[in-house]
Amino acid sequence: NPVNSVVPAMAELYKKKGLDPLKIVGITTLDVVRANKFVGGITGKNPNYINVPVIGGHAGTTIMPVFSQDKVAATIDAEKIPDLDKRVQDAGTEVVNAKDGKGSATLSMAYAGARLGKAVLAGLAGKRRVECAYCKSDVTDLPYFAQKVAFGETGITKVFPIGELNDYEKKRLEEAKTQLKTEIDTGLKYAEDNELAA
């Protein structure tokens, strides 16, 4: 998925023009929706009342659900978490395979897009909303990262820290960051070599 490179490229190009790089937001809501759905399936709870933050990026191992930060997900046996983590990472492929290569997760993508759009529009209308999104960030040593953000009247008004992680998640964070760094660097290189048109 190009989000991990395109967002840094565009945000840096915005910065070069004196524009706010936080106006460029990568949607990672689909990963949150999938994590919530899978947790609901395992626990028998309604996914509408589950909110697993998904941090890192939006491709493969960079997708990092933080199950320990949701009260329902935190009840799942620790030995099930690595497989659940992998399932969230590979959910798009799972759908393509289920459709025998003849389609992708269009409905879930539409739902996730609507959910993020609703949060952005509510924020612009003065009703602060929190969602996970991929954007310019200083919560880790990487310049771009997906984490919870607050949407307000000017767009992203706050980038939240990633919060407490358990030992499994700390290890996964390092793995996610290693892969994400190479994808961010691709975007930064593009921005270095290009300019936005006037």
N, C-alpha and C. Protein backbone atom coordinates (compact mmCIF):
# COMPACT_ATOMS: atom_id res chain seq x y z
N ASN A 1 0.84 -1.18 0.00
CA ASN A 1 0.00 0.00 0.00
C ASN A 1 0.88 1.24 0.00
N PRO A 2 0.61 2.19 -0.88
CA PRO A 2 1.50 3.36 -1.01
C PRO A 2 1.35 4.43 0.07
N VAL A 3 0.37 4.31 0.96
CA VAL A 3 0.14 5.35 1.97
C VAL A 3 1.41 5.67 2.74
N ASN A 4 2.18 4.65 3.10
CA ASN A 4 3.37 4.85 3.93
C ASN A 4 4.43 5.73 3.26
N SER A 5 4.43 5.79 1.93
CA SER A 5 5.37 6.64 1.19
C SER A 5 4.73 7.91 0.66
N VAL A 6 3.47 7.81 0.22
CA VAL A 6 2.81 8.96 -0.40
C VAL A 6 2.56 10.09 0.61
N VAL A 7 2.13 9.74 1.82
CA VAL A 7 1.87 10.78 2.83
C VAL A 7 3.15 11.57 3.14
N PRO A 8 4.29 10.92 3.44
CA PRO A 8 5.50 11.70 3.66
C PRO A 8 5.90 12.55 2.44
N ALA A 9 5.76 11.98 1.24
CA ALA A 9 6.12 12.74 0.03
C ALA A 9 5.27 14.00 -0.08
N MET A 10 3.96 13.86 0.04
CA MET A 10 3.07 15.02 -0.12
C MET A 10 3.21 16.02 1.04
N ALA A 11 3.34 15.51 2.26
CA ALA A 11 3.48 16.41 3.41
C ALA A 11 4.75 17.24 3.29
N GLU A 12 5.83 16.61 2.86
CA GLU A 12 7.10 17.34 2.69
C GLU A 12 7.01 18.34 1.55
N LEU A 13 6.31 17.97 0.47
CA LEU A 13 6.10 18.93 -0.62
C LEU A 13 5.26 20.11 -0.15
N TYR A 14 4.25 19.85 0.67
CA TYR A 14 3.46 20.91 1.28
C TYR A 14 4.35 21.84 2.11
N LYS A 15 5.20 21.22 2.93
CA LYS A 15 6.10 21.99 3.79
C LYS A 15 6.99 22.92 2.97
N LYS A 16 7.51 22.42 1.85
CA LYS A 16 8.35 23.23 0.97
C LYS A 16 7.62 24.48 0.47
N LYS A 17 6.31 24.38 0.32
CA LYS A 17 5.50 25.51 -0.15
C LYS A 17 5.00 26.38 1.00
N GLY A 18 5.44 26.07 2.23
CA GLY A 18 5.01 26.85 3.38
C GLY A 18 3.63 26.46 3.89
N LEU A 19 3.14 25.31 3.47
CA LEU A 19 1.82 24.84 3.89
C LEU A 19 1.96 23.88 5.08
N ASP A 20 0.88 23.65 5.77
CA ASP A 20 0.86 22.80 6.96
C ASP A 20 0.91 21.32 6.57
N PRO A 21 1.98 20.60 6.92
CA PRO A 21 2.07 19.19 6.55
C PRO A 21 1.02 18.31 7.24
N LEU A 22 0.41 18.79 8.32
CA LEU A 22 -0.63 18.02 9.00
C LEU A 22 -1.96 18.04 8.24
N LYS A 23 -2.00 18.77 7.12
CA LYS A 23 -3.19 18.74 6.26
C LYS A 23 -3.19 17.48 5.39
N ILE A 24 -2.08 16.77 5.36
CA ILE A 24 -1.98 15.52 4.60
C ILE A 24 -2.13 14.37 5.59
N VAL A 25 -3.19 13.59 5.40
CA VAL A 25 -3.54 12.53 6.34
C VAL A 25 -3.71 11.22 5.58
N GLY A 26 -3.06 10.18 6.08
CA GLY A 26 -3.24 8.85 5.50
C GLY A 26 -4.29 8.08 6.28
N ILE A 27 -5.22 7.50 5.55
CA ILE A 27 -6.30 6.76 6.20
C ILE A 27 -5.81 5.37 6.62
N THR A 28 -5.92 5.10 7.90
CA THR A 28 -5.61 3.77 8.43
C THR A 28 -6.82 3.20 9.16
N THR A 29 -7.95 3.86 8.98
CA THR A 29 -9.19 3.47 9.66
C THR A 29 -9.59 2.04 9.32
N LEU A 30 -9.29 1.60 8.10
CA LEU A 30 -9.64 0.24 7.69
C LEU A 30 -8.99 -0.79 8.61
N ASP A 31 -7.76 -0.53 9.02
CA ASP A 31 -7.07 -1.46 9.92
C ASP A 31 -7.75 -1.50 11.29
N VAL A 32 -8.21 -0.34 11.76
CA VAL A 32 -8.92 -0.26 13.04
C VAL A 32 -10.24 -1.03 12.94
N VAL A 33 -10.98 -0.81 11.86
CA VAL A 33 -12.26 -1.48 11.66
C VAL A 33 -12.07 -3.01 11.64
N ARG A 34 -11.04 -3.46 10.95
CA ARG A 34 -10.77 -4.90 10.88
C ARG A 34 -10.39 -5.45 12.24
N ALA A 35 -9.52 -4.77 12.95
CA ALA A 35 -9.11 -5.23 14.29
C ALA A 35 -10.34 -5.33 15.20
N ASN A 36 -11.20 -4.32 15.17
CA ASN A 36 -12.40 -4.32 16.00
C ASN A 36 -13.32 -5.48 15.65
N LYS A 37 -13.50 -5.72 14.35
CA LYS A 37 -14.36 -6.81 13.88
C LYS A 37 -13.82 -8.17 14.32
N PHE A 38 -12.53 -8.38 14.17
CA PHE A 38 -11.93 -9.67 14.54
C PHE A 38 -12.01 -9.91 16.04
N VAL A 39 -11.77 -8.85 16.83
CA VAL A 39 -11.89 -8.97 18.29
C VAL A 39 -13.33 -9.29 18.66
N GLY A 40 -14.28 -8.64 18.01
CA GLY A 40 -15.69 -8.92 18.26
C GLY A 40 -16.04 -10.36 17.94
N GLY A 41 -15.47 -10.89 16.86
CA GLY A 41 -15.72 -12.27 16.48
C GLY A 41 -15.20 -13.26 17.51
N ILE A 42 -14.04 -12.97 18.06
CA ILE A 42 -13.44 -13.87 19.06
C ILE A 42 -14.16 -13.79 20.39
N THR A 43 -14.54 -12.58 20.79
CA THR A 43 -15.11 -12.38 22.13
C THR A 43 -16.63 -12.44 22.17
N GLY A 44 -17.26 -12.37 21.00
CA GLY A 44 -18.72 -12.33 20.97
C GLY A 44 -19.30 -10.97 21.32
N LYS A 45 -18.45 -9.95 21.34
CA LYS A 45 -18.89 -8.58 21.67
C LYS A 45 -19.14 -7.79 20.39
N ASN A 46 -19.96 -6.75 20.51
CA ASN A 46 -20.28 -5.90 19.38
C ASN A 46 -19.06 -5.04 19.00
N PRO A 47 -18.59 -5.13 17.74
CA PRO A 47 -17.43 -4.34 17.32
C PRO A 47 -17.63 -2.84 17.44
N ASN A 48 -18.88 -2.38 17.47
CA ASN A 48 -19.14 -0.94 17.63
C ASN A 48 -18.68 -0.41 18.98
N TYR A 49 -18.48 -1.32 19.94
CA TYR A 49 -18.04 -0.92 21.28
C TYR A 49 -16.62 -1.36 21.57
N ILE A 50 -15.90 -1.67 20.51
CA ILE A 50 -14.49 -2.06 20.60
C ILE A 50 -13.70 -1.00 19.85
N ASN A 51 -12.56 -0.58 20.39
CA ASN A 51 -11.76 0.45 19.72
C ASN A 51 -10.28 0.14 19.90
N VAL A 52 -9.79 -0.76 19.08
CA VAL A 52 -8.38 -1.14 19.10
C VAL A 52 -7.58 -0.10 18.31
N PRO A 53 -6.67 0.62 18.95
CA PRO A 53 -5.83 1.54 18.17
C PRO A 53 -4.90 0.72 17.27
N VAL A 54 -4.72 1.18 16.06
CA VAL A 54 -3.76 0.55 15.15
C VAL A 54 -2.74 1.62 14.79
N ILE A 55 -1.50 1.34 15.16
CA ILE A 55 -0.43 2.33 15.00
C ILE A 55 0.57 1.84 13.96
N GLY A 56 1.53 2.70 13.62
CA GLY A 56 2.60 2.33 12.70
C GLY A 56 2.36 2.88 11.32
N GLY A 57 1.90 1.99 10.42
CA GLY A 57 1.64 2.38 9.04
C GLY A 57 0.42 1.66 8.51
N HIS A 58 0.36 1.53 7.18
CA HIS A 58 -0.82 0.93 6.55
C HIS A 58 -0.42 -0.09 5.49
N ALA A 59 0.54 -0.94 5.82
CA ALA A 59 0.94 -2.01 4.89
C ALA A 59 1.71 -3.07 5.65
N GLY A 60 1.30 -4.32 5.49
CA GLY A 60 2.05 -5.46 6.03
C GLY A 60 2.41 -5.32 7.49
N THR A 61 3.68 -5.56 7.79
CA THR A 61 4.14 -5.55 9.19
C THR A 61 4.10 -4.17 9.83
N THR A 62 3.92 -3.12 9.03
CA THR A 62 3.81 -1.77 9.63
C THR A 62 2.46 -1.57 10.31
N ILE A 63 1.49 -2.42 10.00
CA ILE A 63 0.17 -2.35 10.63
C ILE A 63 0.27 -3.01 12.00
N MET A 64 0.09 -2.24 13.07
CA MET A 64 0.30 -2.77 14.41
C MET A 64 -0.89 -2.50 15.33
N PRO A 65 -1.81 -3.45 15.43
CA PRO A 65 -2.92 -3.29 16.36
C PRO A 65 -2.43 -3.37 17.80
N VAL A 66 -2.90 -2.46 18.64
CA VAL A 66 -2.49 -2.44 20.04
C VAL A 66 -3.67 -2.98 20.86
N PHE A 67 -3.78 -4.30 20.87
CA PHE A 67 -4.91 -4.97 21.51
C PHE A 67 -4.97 -4.70 23.01
N SER A 68 -3.82 -4.49 23.63
CA SER A 68 -3.79 -4.29 25.08
C SER A 68 -4.47 -2.99 25.51
N GLN A 69 -4.70 -2.06 24.57
CA GLN A 69 -5.28 -0.76 24.92
C GLN A 69 -6.80 -0.72 24.78
N ASP A 70 -7.41 -1.83 24.42
CA ASP A 70 -8.87 -1.91 24.38
C ASP A 70 -9.32 -2.92 25.43
N LYS A 71 -10.31 -2.54 26.25
CA LYS A 71 -10.69 -3.40 27.37
C LYS A 71 -11.23 -4.75 26.93
N VAL A 72 -11.92 -4.82 25.79
CA VAL A 72 -12.44 -6.11 25.30
C VAL A 72 -11.28 -6.93 24.72
N ALA A 73 -10.48 -6.33 23.86
CA ALA A 73 -9.36 -7.04 23.22
C ALA A 73 -8.36 -7.53 24.26
N ALA A 74 -8.20 -6.78 25.33
CA ALA A 74 -7.23 -7.15 26.37
C ALA A 74 -7.62 -8.44 27.10
N THR A 75 -8.86 -8.90 26.93
CA THR A 75 -9.29 -10.15 27.57
C THR A 75 -8.92 -11.38 26.75
N ILE A 76 -8.44 -11.20 25.52
CA ILE A 76 -8.08 -12.33 24.66
C ILE A 76 -6.78 -12.94 25.17
N ASP A 77 -6.72 -14.28 25.19
CA ASP A 77 -5.52 -14.98 25.65
C ASP A 77 -4.29 -14.51 24.88
N ALA A 78 -3.21 -14.26 25.60
CA ALA A 78 -1.98 -13.72 25.01
C ALA A 78 -1.44 -14.60 23.88
N GLU A 79 -1.62 -15.92 23.99
CA GLU A 79 -1.09 -16.80 22.94
C GLU A 79 -1.85 -16.67 21.62
N LYS A 80 -3.04 -16.06 21.64
CA LYS A 80 -3.82 -15.87 20.41
C LYS A 80 -3.47 -14.56 19.71
N ILE A 81 -2.80 -13.67 20.40
CA ILE A 81 -2.53 -12.33 19.86
C ILE A 81 -1.64 -12.33 18.62
N PRO A 82 -0.53 -13.09 18.57
CA PRO A 82 0.28 -13.05 17.35
C PRO A 82 -0.49 -13.43 16.08
N ASP A 83 -1.35 -14.45 16.17
CA ASP A 83 -2.15 -14.83 14.99
C ASP A 83 -3.18 -13.77 14.65
N LEU A 84 -3.77 -13.17 15.66
CA LEU A 84 -4.75 -12.11 15.45
C LEU A 84 -4.08 -10.88 14.84
N ASP A 85 -2.91 -10.55 15.32
CA ASP A 85 -2.10 -9.46 14.79
C ASP A 85 -1.84 -9.69 13.30
N LYS A 86 -1.40 -10.88 12.96
CA LYS A 86 -1.10 -11.24 11.57
C LYS A 86 -2.36 -11.19 10.71
N ARG A 87 -3.48 -11.61 11.28
CA ARG A 87 -4.74 -11.58 10.53
C ARG A 87 -5.12 -10.15 10.16
N VAL A 88 -4.94 -9.21 11.09
CA VAL A 88 -5.23 -7.81 10.79
C VAL A 88 -4.31 -7.31 9.67
N GLN A 89 -3.03 -7.67 9.75
CA GLN A 89 -2.07 -7.26 8.71
C GLN A 89 -2.45 -7.80 7.33
N ASP A 90 -2.94 -9.03 7.29
CA ASP A 90 -3.21 -9.72 6.02
C ASP A 90 -4.68 -9.71 5.61
N ALA A 91 -5.50 -8.92 6.27
CA ALA A 91 -6.95 -8.97 6.04
C ALA A 91 -7.32 -8.63 4.60
N GLY A 92 -6.63 -7.70 3.98
CA GLY A 92 -6.94 -7.35 2.59
C GLY A 92 -6.70 -8.53 1.67
N THR A 93 -5.61 -9.25 1.88
CA THR A 93 -5.29 -10.44 1.08
C THR A 93 -6.33 -11.53 1.33
N GLU A 94 -6.76 -11.65 2.56
CA GLU A 94 -7.79 -12.64 2.92
C GLU A 94 -9.06 -12.42 2.10
N VAL A 95 -9.46 -11.16 1.95
CA VAL A 95 -10.67 -10.84 1.18
C VAL A 95 -10.46 -11.14 -0.30
N VAL A 96 -9.33 -10.73 -0.86
CA VAL A 96 -9.03 -10.99 -2.27
C VAL A 96 -9.06 -12.50 -2.54
N ASN A 97 -8.45 -13.26 -1.64
CA ASN A 97 -8.45 -14.72 -1.81
C ASN A 97 -9.86 -15.29 -1.71
N ALA A 98 -10.67 -14.78 -0.79
CA ALA A 98 -12.05 -15.25 -0.64
C ALA A 98 -12.87 -14.96 -1.90
N LYS A 99 -12.52 -13.88 -2.60
CA LYS A 99 -13.23 -13.52 -3.83
C LYS A 99 -12.54 -14.12 -5.05
N ASP A 100 -11.60 -15.05 -4.80
CA ASP A 100 -10.89 -15.76 -5.86
C ASP A 100 -10.21 -14.79 -6.84
N GLY A 101 -9.66 -13.71 -6.29
CA GLY A 101 -8.93 -12.74 -7.10
C GLY A 101 -9.81 -11.83 -7.93
N LYS A 102 -11.12 -11.91 -7.76
CA LYS A 102 -12.04 -11.13 -8.59
C LYS A 102 -12.58 -9.89 -7.88
N GLY A 103 -11.89 -9.41 -6.89
CA GLY A 103 -12.34 -8.22 -6.20
C GLY A 103 -11.53 -7.98 -4.94
N SER A 104 -11.85 -6.89 -4.27
CA SER A 104 -11.16 -6.57 -3.03
C SER A 104 -12.19 -6.13 -1.99
N ALA A 105 -11.71 -5.60 -0.91
CA ALA A 105 -12.58 -5.26 0.23
C ALA A 105 -13.24 -3.90 0.04
N THR A 106 -14.01 -3.75 -1.03
CA THR A 106 -14.56 -2.45 -1.37
C THR A 106 -15.55 -1.92 -0.32
N LEU A 107 -16.41 -2.78 0.21
CA LEU A 107 -17.39 -2.30 1.19
C LEU A 107 -16.70 -1.86 2.48
N SER A 108 -15.75 -2.64 2.96
CA SER A 108 -15.07 -2.24 4.19
C SER A 108 -14.23 -0.99 3.98
N MET A 109 -13.65 -0.85 2.77
CA MET A 109 -12.90 0.38 2.47
C MET A 109 -13.83 1.58 2.46
N ALA A 110 -15.01 1.41 1.88
CA ALA A 110 -15.98 2.51 1.85
C ALA A 110 -16.42 2.88 3.26
N TYR A 111 -16.68 1.87 4.09
CA TYR A 111 -17.09 2.13 5.47
C TYR A 111 -16.00 2.89 6.22
N ALA A 112 -14.75 2.42 6.07
CA ALA A 112 -13.64 3.08 6.76
C ALA A 112 -13.45 4.51 6.27
N GLY A 113 -13.58 4.72 4.96
CA GLY A 113 -13.46 6.07 4.40
C GLY A 113 -14.55 6.99 4.93
N ALA A 114 -15.77 6.45 5.02
CA ALA A 114 -16.88 7.25 5.55
C ALA A 114 -16.66 7.57 7.02
N ARG A 115 -16.13 6.60 7.76
CA ARG A 115 -15.89 6.83 9.20
C ARG A 115 -14.85 7.93 9.40
N LEU A 116 -13.75 7.88 8.64
CA LEU A 116 -12.73 8.93 8.77
C LEU A 116 -13.30 10.27 8.29
N GLY A 117 -13.99 10.25 7.16
CA GLY A 117 -14.58 11.48 6.65
C GLY A 117 -15.53 12.11 7.65
N LYS A 118 -16.33 11.30 8.31
CA LYS A 118 -17.26 11.79 9.32
C LYS A 118 -16.51 12.44 10.49
N ALA A 119 -15.40 11.84 10.88
CA ALA A 119 -14.58 12.40 11.97
C ALA A 119 -13.99 13.75 11.56
N VAL A 120 -13.46 13.82 10.34
CA VAL A 120 -12.87 15.08 9.85
C VAL A 120 -13.94 16.17 9.78
N LEU A 121 -15.10 15.84 9.21
CA LEU A 121 -16.17 16.83 9.07
C LEU A 121 -16.72 17.27 10.42
N ALA A 122 -16.85 16.33 11.36
CA ALA A 122 -17.31 16.70 12.71
C ALA A 122 -16.30 17.66 13.35
N GLY A 123 -15.01 17.33 13.19
CA GLY A 123 -13.97 18.22 13.73
C GLY A 123 -14.05 19.61 13.14
N LEU A 124 -14.18 19.69 11.83
CA LEU A 124 -14.28 20.99 11.16
C LEU A 124 -15.49 21.78 11.64
N ALA A 125 -16.55 21.06 12.05
CA ALA A 125 -17.77 21.69 12.56
C ALA A 125 -17.67 22.02 14.06
N GLY A 126 -16.49 21.79 14.65
CA GLY A 126 -16.28 22.14 16.05
C GLY A 126 -16.56 21.01 17.04
N LYS A 127 -16.81 19.81 16.53
CA LYS A 127 -17.05 18.65 17.40
C LYS A 127 -15.84 17.73 17.32
N ARG A 128 -14.92 17.88 18.25
CA ARG A 128 -13.66 17.14 18.25
C ARG A 128 -13.90 15.64 18.17
N ARG A 129 -13.16 14.96 17.29
CA ARG A 129 -13.24 13.52 17.13
C ARG A 129 -11.84 12.93 17.13
N VAL A 130 -11.72 11.72 17.66
CA VAL A 130 -10.42 11.03 17.70
C VAL A 130 -10.51 9.78 16.83
N GLU A 131 -9.55 9.63 15.95
CA GLU A 131 -9.40 8.44 15.10
C GLU A 131 -7.91 8.18 14.94
N CYS A 132 -7.57 6.99 14.51
CA CYS A 132 -6.18 6.71 14.14
C CYS A 132 -5.96 7.20 12.71
N ALA A 133 -4.82 7.81 12.46
CA ALA A 133 -4.47 8.27 11.13
C ALA A 133 -2.95 8.33 11.00
N TYR A 134 -2.48 8.27 9.78
CA TYR A 134 -1.05 8.30 9.47
C TYR A 134 -0.70 9.72 9.04
N CYS A 135 0.24 10.34 9.77
CA CYS A 135 0.56 11.74 9.49
C CYS A 135 1.95 12.09 10.04
N LYS A 136 2.34 13.34 9.81
CA LYS A 136 3.57 13.85 10.41
C LYS A 136 3.44 13.71 11.92
N SER A 137 4.50 13.22 12.55
CA SER A 137 4.37 12.84 13.95
C SER A 137 5.73 12.86 14.63
N ASP A 138 5.70 13.11 15.94
CA ASP A 138 6.94 13.00 16.72
C ASP A 138 6.78 12.04 17.90
N VAL A 139 5.84 11.11 17.78
CA VAL A 139 5.61 10.17 18.88
C VAL A 139 6.65 9.05 18.92
N THR A 140 7.38 8.87 17.82
CA THR A 140 8.49 7.92 17.78
C THR A 140 9.68 8.64 17.15
N ASP A 141 10.73 7.91 16.86
CA ASP A 141 11.88 8.52 16.19
C ASP A 141 11.67 8.62 14.67
N LEU A 142 10.53 8.17 14.18
CA LEU A 142 10.20 8.31 12.76
C LEU A 142 9.40 9.60 12.55
N PRO A 143 9.58 10.27 11.40
CA PRO A 143 8.88 11.54 11.19
C PRO A 143 7.41 11.39 10.78
N TYR A 144 6.99 10.18 10.41
CA TYR A 144 5.60 9.91 10.05
C TYR A 144 5.19 8.62 10.72
N PHE A 145 3.93 8.58 11.18
CA PHE A 145 3.49 7.44 11.97
C PHE A 145 1.97 7.47 12.06
N ALA A 146 1.36 6.31 12.19
CA ALA A 146 -0.09 6.23 12.45
C ALA A 146 -0.29 6.09 13.95
N GLN A 147 -1.19 6.88 14.48
CA GLN A 147 -1.52 6.86 15.90
C GLN A 147 -2.85 7.58 16.05
N LYS A 148 -3.36 7.64 17.26
CA LYS A 148 -4.59 8.41 17.47
C LYS A 148 -4.29 9.89 17.27
N VAL A 149 -5.22 10.55 16.58
CA VAL A 149 -5.14 12.01 16.40
C VAL A 149 -6.51 12.60 16.69
N ALA A 150 -6.52 13.85 17.07
CA ALA A 150 -7.78 14.58 17.26
C ALA A 150 -8.01 15.46 16.05
N PHE A 151 -9.22 15.38 15.51
CA PHE A 151 -9.63 16.27 14.42
C PHE A 151 -10.48 17.39 15.03
N GLY A 152 -10.12 18.62 14.68
CA GLY A 152 -10.85 19.79 15.17
C GLY A 152 -11.13 20.75 14.04
N GLU A 153 -11.36 22.00 14.38
CA GLU A 153 -11.78 23.00 13.40
C GLU A 153 -10.72 23.32 12.36
N THR A 154 -9.46 22.97 12.62
CA THR A 154 -8.39 23.24 11.66
C THR A 154 -7.79 21.96 11.08
N GLY A 155 -8.47 20.84 11.27
CA GLY A 155 -7.93 19.55 10.83
C GLY A 155 -7.36 18.81 12.03
N ILE A 156 -6.17 18.24 11.88
CA ILE A 156 -5.54 17.57 13.02
C ILE A 156 -5.11 18.62 14.02
N THR A 157 -5.63 18.53 15.24
CA THR A 157 -5.29 19.50 16.28
C THR A 157 -4.39 18.90 17.35
N LYS A 158 -4.31 17.57 17.38
CA LYS A 158 -3.43 16.92 18.36
C LYS A 158 -3.04 15.54 17.86
N VAL A 159 -1.77 15.21 18.05
CA VAL A 159 -1.26 13.87 17.77
C VAL A 159 -0.96 13.26 19.14
N PHE A 160 -1.65 12.17 19.45
CA PHE A 160 -1.52 11.57 20.77
C PHE A 160 -0.32 10.62 20.86
N PRO A 161 0.27 10.50 22.05
CA PRO A 161 1.32 9.49 22.25
C PRO A 161 0.75 8.09 22.04
N ILE A 162 1.61 7.12 21.79
CA ILE A 162 1.12 5.77 21.51
C ILE A 162 0.64 5.04 22.75
N GLY A 163 0.99 5.52 23.92
CA GLY A 163 0.50 4.90 25.15
C GLY A 163 1.30 3.67 25.57
N GLU A 164 0.81 3.02 26.61
CA GLU A 164 1.50 1.85 27.17
C GLU A 164 1.41 0.66 26.21
N LEU A 165 2.53 -0.04 26.06
CA LEU A 165 2.58 -1.25 25.24
C LEU A 165 3.04 -2.42 26.11
N ASN A 166 2.50 -3.60 25.84
CA ASN A 166 3.00 -4.78 26.55
C ASN A 166 4.28 -5.27 25.86
N ASP A 167 4.89 -6.31 26.38
CA ASP A 167 6.17 -6.77 25.84
C ASP A 167 6.06 -7.21 24.38
N TYR A 168 4.99 -7.93 24.05
CA TYR A 168 4.79 -8.35 22.65
C TYR A 168 4.70 -7.12 21.74
N GLU A 169 3.94 -6.12 22.16
CA GLU A 169 3.74 -4.92 21.35
C GLU A 169 5.02 -4.10 21.23
N LYS A 170 5.84 -4.07 22.27
CA LYS A 170 7.13 -3.36 22.18
C LYS A 170 8.01 -3.98 21.11
N LYS A 171 8.01 -5.31 21.06
CA LYS A 171 8.80 -6.02 20.04
C LYS A 171 8.24 -5.75 18.65
N ARG A 172 6.93 -5.79 18.53
CA ARG A 172 6.27 -5.53 17.25
C ARG A 172 6.49 -4.10 16.78
N LEU A 173 6.54 -3.16 17.72
CA LEU A 173 6.77 -1.77 17.36
C LEU A 173 8.11 -1.62 16.65
N GLU A 174 9.13 -2.27 17.17
CA GLU A 174 10.46 -2.18 16.53
C GLU A 174 10.43 -2.79 15.13
N GLU A 175 9.74 -3.91 14.98
CA GLU A 175 9.60 -4.55 13.67
C GLU A 175 8.86 -3.63 12.69
N ALA A 176 7.77 -3.04 13.17
CA ALA A 176 6.98 -2.14 12.32
C ALA A 176 7.81 -0.93 11.91
N LYS A 177 8.54 -0.36 12.85
CA LYS A 177 9.34 0.84 12.56
C LYS A 177 10.44 0.55 11.55
N THR A 178 11.05 -0.62 11.63
CA THR A 178 12.12 -0.98 10.69
C THR A 178 11.59 -0.96 9.25
N GLN A 179 10.45 -1.60 9.03
CA GLN A 179 9.86 -1.62 7.69
C GLN A 179 9.35 -0.24 7.30
N LEU A 180 8.70 0.44 8.22
CA LEU A 180 8.12 1.75 7.93
C LEU A 180 9.19 2.77 7.54
N LYS A 181 10.35 2.70 8.18
CA LYS A 181 11.42 3.66 7.87
C LYS A 181 11.80 3.62 6.40
N THR A 182 11.92 2.43 5.83
CA THR A 182 12.30 2.34 4.41
C THR A 182 11.21 2.94 3.52
N GLU A 183 9.95 2.74 3.90
CA GLU A 183 8.85 3.27 3.10
C GLU A 183 8.74 4.79 3.24
N ILE A 184 8.99 5.31 4.43
CA ILE A 184 9.02 6.77 4.64
C ILE A 184 10.15 7.37 3.83
N ASP A 185 11.32 6.75 3.88
CA ASP A 185 12.49 7.26 3.16
C ASP A 185 12.22 7.39 1.66
N THR A 186 11.47 6.44 1.10
CA THR A 186 11.09 6.52 -0.32
C THR A 186 10.31 7.80 -0.58
N GLY A 187 9.35 8.11 0.30
CA GLY A 187 8.56 9.33 0.15
C GLY A 187 9.39 10.59 0.33
N LEU A 188 10.28 10.57 1.32
CA LEU A 188 11.13 11.74 1.57
C LEU A 188 12.06 12.01 0.38
N LYS A 189 12.57 10.95 -0.22
CA LYS A 189 13.44 11.10 -1.38
C LYS A 189 12.66 11.71 -2.55
N TYR A 190 11.44 11.26 -2.75
CA TYR A 190 10.61 11.83 -3.80
C TYR A 190 10.41 13.34 -3.58
N ALA A 191 10.09 13.70 -2.36
CA ALA A 191 9.84 15.11 -2.05
C ALA A 191 11.10 15.95 -2.23
N GLU A 192 12.24 15.36 -1.91
CA GLU A 192 13.52 16.06 -2.06
C GLU A 192 13.80 16.38 -3.53
N ASP A 193 13.40 15.45 -4.40
CA ASP A 193 13.71 15.57 -5.83
C ASP A 193 12.63 16.28 -6.65
N ASN A 194 11.52 16.67 -6.02
CA ASN A 194 10.39 17.23 -6.76
C ASN A 194 9.85 18.47 -6.08
N GLU A 195 8.97 19.18 -6.79
CA GLU A 195 8.30 20.37 -6.27
C GLU A 195 6.82 20.28 -6.61
N LEU A 196 5.97 20.91 -5.80
CA LEU A 196 4.57 21.06 -6.15
C LEU A 196 4.45 22.12 -7.22
N ALA A 197 3.56 21.90 -8.18
CA ALA A 197 3.32 22.91 -9.20
C ALA A 197 2.68 24.13 -8.56
N ALA A 198 2.93 25.29 -9.13
CA ALA A 198 2.37 26.54 -8.60
C ALA A 198 0.91 26.51 -8.73
